[in-house]
Amino acid sequence: MNKLVSASLIGGLFGLGIAVSGMINPAKVLNFFDVAGTWDPSLVFVMGGGLLVAFAGYRLVFGCRKAPVFEAAFTLPTKRAIDKE
């Protein structure tokens, strides 16, 4: 139950961020990709803000915690090699 509530709150926060940033407006997103025309660089700041929050979150979680809140341990990939295919 705690996982469901946590996932719902995090998903709601993500959706709110998308709505506030204007990324739910297709015209705004298309203008971001139209570099030669009416380019709208505001989504660069949205992506940069998301990267900063994600970086800080990873540093905080993996630096301070031994395990997640609702699990016994972190589950991270152990394979480091990239397939050549």
N, C-alpha and C. Protein backbone atom coordinates (compact mmCIF):
# COMPACT_ATOMS: atom_id res chain seq x y z
N MET A 1 0.82 -1.20 0.00
CA MET A 1 0.00 0.00 0.00
C MET A 1 0.86 1.26 0.00
N ASN A 2 1.96 1.23 0.79
CA ASN A 2 2.84 2.40 0.84
C ASN A 2 3.49 2.67 -0.51
N LYS A 3 3.83 1.59 -1.23
CA LYS A 3 4.44 1.77 -2.55
C LYS A 3 3.46 2.42 -3.51
N LEU A 4 2.20 2.02 -3.44
CA LEU A 4 1.18 2.58 -4.32
C LEU A 4 0.97 4.07 -4.04
N VAL A 5 0.89 4.43 -2.79
CA VAL A 5 0.71 5.84 -2.42
C VAL A 5 1.93 6.65 -2.85
N SER A 6 3.11 6.11 -2.60
CA SER A 6 4.34 6.80 -2.97
C SER A 6 4.43 7.00 -4.49
N ALA A 7 4.14 5.94 -5.24
CA ALA A 7 4.18 6.04 -6.70
C ALA A 7 3.14 7.02 -7.21
N SER A 8 1.98 7.05 -6.61
CA SER A 8 0.93 7.98 -7.03
C SER A 8 1.33 9.42 -6.76
N LEU A 9 1.91 9.68 -5.61
CA LEU A 9 2.36 11.04 -5.29
C LEU A 9 3.49 11.49 -6.21
N ILE A 10 4.43 10.61 -6.47
CA ILE A 10 5.55 10.96 -7.35
C ILE A 10 5.05 11.18 -8.78
N GLY A 11 4.16 10.33 -9.25
CA GLY A 11 3.58 10.51 -10.58
C GLY A 11 2.78 11.79 -10.69
N GLY A 12 2.05 12.12 -9.65
CA GLY A 12 1.29 13.37 -9.64
C GLY A 12 2.20 14.58 -9.67
N LEU A 13 3.29 14.52 -8.92
CA LEU A 13 4.26 15.62 -8.92
C LEU A 13 4.91 15.78 -10.29
N PHE A 14 5.24 14.66 -10.92
CA PHE A 14 5.81 14.70 -12.26
C PHE A 14 4.82 15.32 -13.24
N GLY A 15 3.58 14.88 -13.19
CA GLY A 15 2.55 15.42 -14.08
C GLY A 15 2.32 16.91 -13.85
N LEU A 16 2.36 17.32 -12.60
CA LEU A 16 2.21 18.74 -12.29
C LEU A 16 3.37 19.55 -12.87
N GLY A 17 4.57 19.01 -12.78
CA GLY A 17 5.72 19.69 -13.36
C GLY A 17 5.62 19.81 -14.87
N ILE A 18 5.14 18.76 -15.51
CA ILE A 18 4.94 18.80 -16.97
C ILE A 18 3.89 19.85 -17.33
N ALA A 19 2.82 19.90 -16.56
CA ALA A 19 1.75 20.87 -16.83
C ALA A 19 2.23 22.30 -16.60
N VAL A 20 2.94 22.54 -15.51
CA VAL A 20 3.40 23.89 -15.19
C VAL A 20 4.42 24.38 -16.23
N SER A 21 5.26 23.46 -16.71
CA SER A 21 6.29 23.86 -17.67
C SER A 21 5.73 24.10 -19.07
N GLY A 22 4.50 23.68 -19.32
CA GLY A 22 3.90 23.89 -20.62
C GLY A 22 4.17 22.78 -21.61
N MET A 23 4.73 21.69 -21.15
CA MET A 23 5.06 20.59 -22.07
C MET A 23 3.83 19.79 -22.49
N ILE A 24 2.67 20.10 -21.95
CA ILE A 24 1.45 19.43 -22.41
C ILE A 24 0.86 20.14 -23.62
N ASN A 25 1.43 21.28 -23.97
CA ASN A 25 0.99 22.03 -25.14
C ASN A 25 1.80 21.57 -26.36
N PRO A 26 1.16 20.87 -27.30
CA PRO A 26 1.91 20.35 -28.46
C PRO A 26 2.59 21.45 -29.27
N ALA A 27 1.98 22.61 -29.36
CA ALA A 27 2.58 23.70 -30.14
C ALA A 27 3.89 24.15 -29.52
N LYS A 28 3.96 24.18 -28.21
CA LYS A 28 5.19 24.59 -27.53
C LYS A 28 6.31 23.58 -27.79
N VAL A 29 5.97 22.31 -27.73
CA VAL A 29 6.97 21.27 -27.98
C VAL A 29 7.42 21.30 -29.43
N LEU A 30 6.49 21.48 -30.36
CA LEU A 30 6.87 21.55 -31.77
C LEU A 30 7.73 22.78 -32.05
N ASN A 31 7.44 23.90 -31.40
CA ASN A 31 8.29 25.09 -31.57
C ASN A 31 9.68 24.87 -31.01
N PHE A 32 9.81 24.02 -30.01
CA PHE A 32 11.13 23.70 -29.49
C PHE A 32 11.96 22.97 -30.54
N PHE A 33 11.32 22.10 -31.31
CA PHE A 33 12.03 21.34 -32.34
C PHE A 33 12.23 22.13 -33.63
N ASP A 34 11.54 23.24 -33.79
CA ASP A 34 11.64 24.05 -35.01
C ASP A 34 12.78 25.06 -34.85
N VAL A 35 14.01 24.59 -34.96
CA VAL A 35 15.18 25.43 -34.72
C VAL A 35 15.32 26.50 -35.80
N ALA A 36 14.96 26.19 -37.02
CA ALA A 36 15.11 27.15 -38.12
C ALA A 36 13.97 28.16 -38.18
N GLY A 37 12.89 27.91 -37.48
CA GLY A 37 11.73 28.80 -37.55
C GLY A 37 11.51 29.53 -36.24
N THR A 38 10.38 29.27 -35.62
CA THR A 38 10.01 29.95 -34.38
C THR A 38 10.46 29.12 -33.18
N TRP A 39 11.76 29.04 -33.00
CA TRP A 39 12.32 28.20 -31.95
C TRP A 39 12.00 28.76 -30.57
N ASP A 40 11.55 27.88 -29.68
CA ASP A 40 11.22 28.25 -28.30
C ASP A 40 12.19 27.54 -27.37
N PRO A 41 13.21 28.24 -26.87
CA PRO A 41 14.23 27.58 -26.05
C PRO A 41 13.83 27.33 -24.60
N SER A 42 12.61 27.64 -24.22
CA SER A 42 12.23 27.52 -22.81
C SER A 42 12.27 26.07 -22.31
N LEU A 43 12.06 25.11 -23.19
CA LEU A 43 12.09 23.71 -22.75
C LEU A 43 13.51 23.25 -22.42
N VAL A 44 14.52 23.95 -22.90
CA VAL A 44 15.89 23.64 -22.51
C VAL A 44 16.05 23.85 -21.01
N PHE A 45 15.44 24.90 -20.50
CA PHE A 45 15.52 25.18 -19.07
C PHE A 45 14.73 24.15 -18.26
N VAL A 46 13.64 23.67 -18.82
CA VAL A 46 12.87 22.62 -18.16
C VAL A 46 13.71 21.35 -18.06
N MET A 47 14.35 20.98 -19.16
CA MET A 47 15.19 19.78 -19.15
C MET A 47 16.40 19.96 -18.22
N GLY A 48 16.99 21.14 -18.24
CA GLY A 48 18.11 21.41 -17.34
C GLY A 48 17.70 21.33 -15.88
N GLY A 49 16.54 21.88 -15.57
CA GLY A 49 16.04 21.79 -14.20
C GLY A 49 15.77 20.36 -13.79
N GLY A 50 15.24 19.57 -14.71
CA GLY A 50 15.01 18.16 -14.42
C GLY A 50 16.31 17.40 -14.18
N LEU A 51 17.32 17.72 -14.97
CA LEU A 51 18.63 17.08 -14.77
C LEU A 51 19.24 17.45 -13.42
N LEU A 52 19.12 18.71 -13.04
CA LEU A 52 19.65 19.13 -11.75
C LEU A 52 18.95 18.44 -10.58
N VAL A 53 17.64 18.35 -10.67
CA VAL A 53 16.88 17.67 -9.61
C VAL A 53 17.23 16.19 -9.56
N ALA A 54 17.34 15.55 -10.73
CA ALA A 54 17.68 14.13 -10.76
C ALA A 54 19.09 13.90 -10.21
N PHE A 55 20.04 14.75 -10.59
CA PHE A 55 21.41 14.61 -10.10
C PHE A 55 21.46 14.75 -8.58
N ALA A 56 20.78 15.77 -8.07
CA ALA A 56 20.76 15.98 -6.62
C ALA A 56 20.06 14.82 -5.91
N GLY A 57 18.99 14.33 -6.50
CA GLY A 57 18.27 13.21 -5.90
C GLY A 57 19.11 11.95 -5.83
N TYR A 58 19.80 11.63 -6.92
CA TYR A 58 20.65 10.45 -6.91
C TYR A 58 21.78 10.58 -5.90
N ARG A 59 22.39 11.75 -5.84
CA ARG A 59 23.48 11.96 -4.88
C ARG A 59 22.95 11.84 -3.44
N LEU A 60 21.79 12.37 -3.20
CA LEU A 60 21.21 12.32 -1.87
C LEU A 60 20.82 10.90 -1.48
N VAL A 61 20.15 10.20 -2.38
CA VAL A 61 19.67 8.86 -2.06
C VAL A 61 20.82 7.87 -1.94
N PHE A 62 21.70 7.84 -2.93
CA PHE A 62 22.76 6.84 -2.90
C PHE A 62 23.89 7.23 -1.95
N GLY A 63 23.97 8.48 -1.57
CA GLY A 63 25.02 8.90 -0.65
C GLY A 63 24.62 8.76 0.81
N CYS A 64 23.35 8.85 1.11
CA CYS A 64 22.90 8.87 2.50
C CYS A 64 22.18 7.60 2.95
N ARG A 65 21.66 6.84 2.03
CA ARG A 65 20.84 5.69 2.41
C ARG A 65 21.52 4.39 2.04
N LYS A 66 21.33 3.40 2.88
CA LYS A 66 21.84 2.06 2.60
C LYS A 66 20.83 1.24 1.81
N ALA A 67 19.55 1.60 1.92
CA ALA A 67 18.49 0.86 1.22
C ALA A 67 17.32 1.81 0.95
N PRO A 68 16.49 1.49 -0.04
CA PRO A 68 15.30 2.30 -0.29
C PRO A 68 14.33 2.23 0.89
N VAL A 69 13.37 3.11 0.89
CA VAL A 69 12.42 3.17 2.00
C VAL A 69 11.54 1.93 2.06
N PHE A 70 11.08 1.45 0.91
CA PHE A 70 10.13 0.33 0.89
C PHE A 70 10.74 -0.98 0.41
N GLU A 71 12.04 -1.10 0.34
CA GLU A 71 12.71 -2.33 -0.07
C GLU A 71 13.87 -2.63 0.86
N ALA A 72 14.39 -3.85 0.79
CA ALA A 72 15.49 -4.24 1.66
C ALA A 72 16.84 -3.74 1.14
N ALA A 73 16.97 -3.60 -0.19
CA ALA A 73 18.24 -3.16 -0.77
C ALA A 73 17.98 -2.53 -2.13
N PHE A 74 18.95 -1.74 -2.59
CA PHE A 74 18.87 -1.19 -3.94
C PHE A 74 19.09 -2.30 -4.95
N THR A 75 18.38 -2.24 -6.06
CA THR A 75 18.56 -3.21 -7.13
C THR A 75 19.16 -2.48 -8.32
N LEU A 76 20.46 -2.60 -8.47
CA LEU A 76 21.18 -1.92 -9.54
C LEU A 76 21.74 -2.95 -10.51
N PRO A 77 21.89 -2.60 -11.78
CA PRO A 77 22.46 -3.54 -12.73
C PRO A 77 23.91 -3.86 -12.38
N THR A 78 24.28 -5.11 -12.55
CA THR A 78 25.65 -5.52 -12.26
C THR A 78 26.48 -5.64 -13.53
N LYS A 79 25.84 -5.82 -14.66
CA LYS A 79 26.55 -5.97 -15.93
C LYS A 79 27.02 -4.59 -16.40
N ARG A 80 28.30 -4.47 -16.68
CA ARG A 80 28.86 -3.18 -17.11
C ARG A 80 29.20 -3.15 -18.60
N ALA A 81 29.37 -4.31 -19.21
CA ALA A 81 29.75 -4.37 -20.62
C ALA A 81 28.55 -4.08 -21.51
N ILE A 82 28.82 -3.44 -22.62
CA ILE A 82 27.78 -3.13 -23.60
C ILE A 82 27.85 -4.17 -24.71
N ASP A 83 26.70 -4.72 -25.08
CA ASP A 83 26.67 -5.70 -26.16
C ASP A 83 27.10 -5.06 -27.47
N LYS A 84 27.78 -5.83 -28.31
CA LYS A 84 28.26 -5.31 -29.59
C LYS A 84 27.21 -5.39 -30.68
N GLU A 85 26.09 -5.93 -30.42
CA GLU A 85 25.07 -6.14 -31.44
C GLU A 85 24.36 -4.91 -31.83
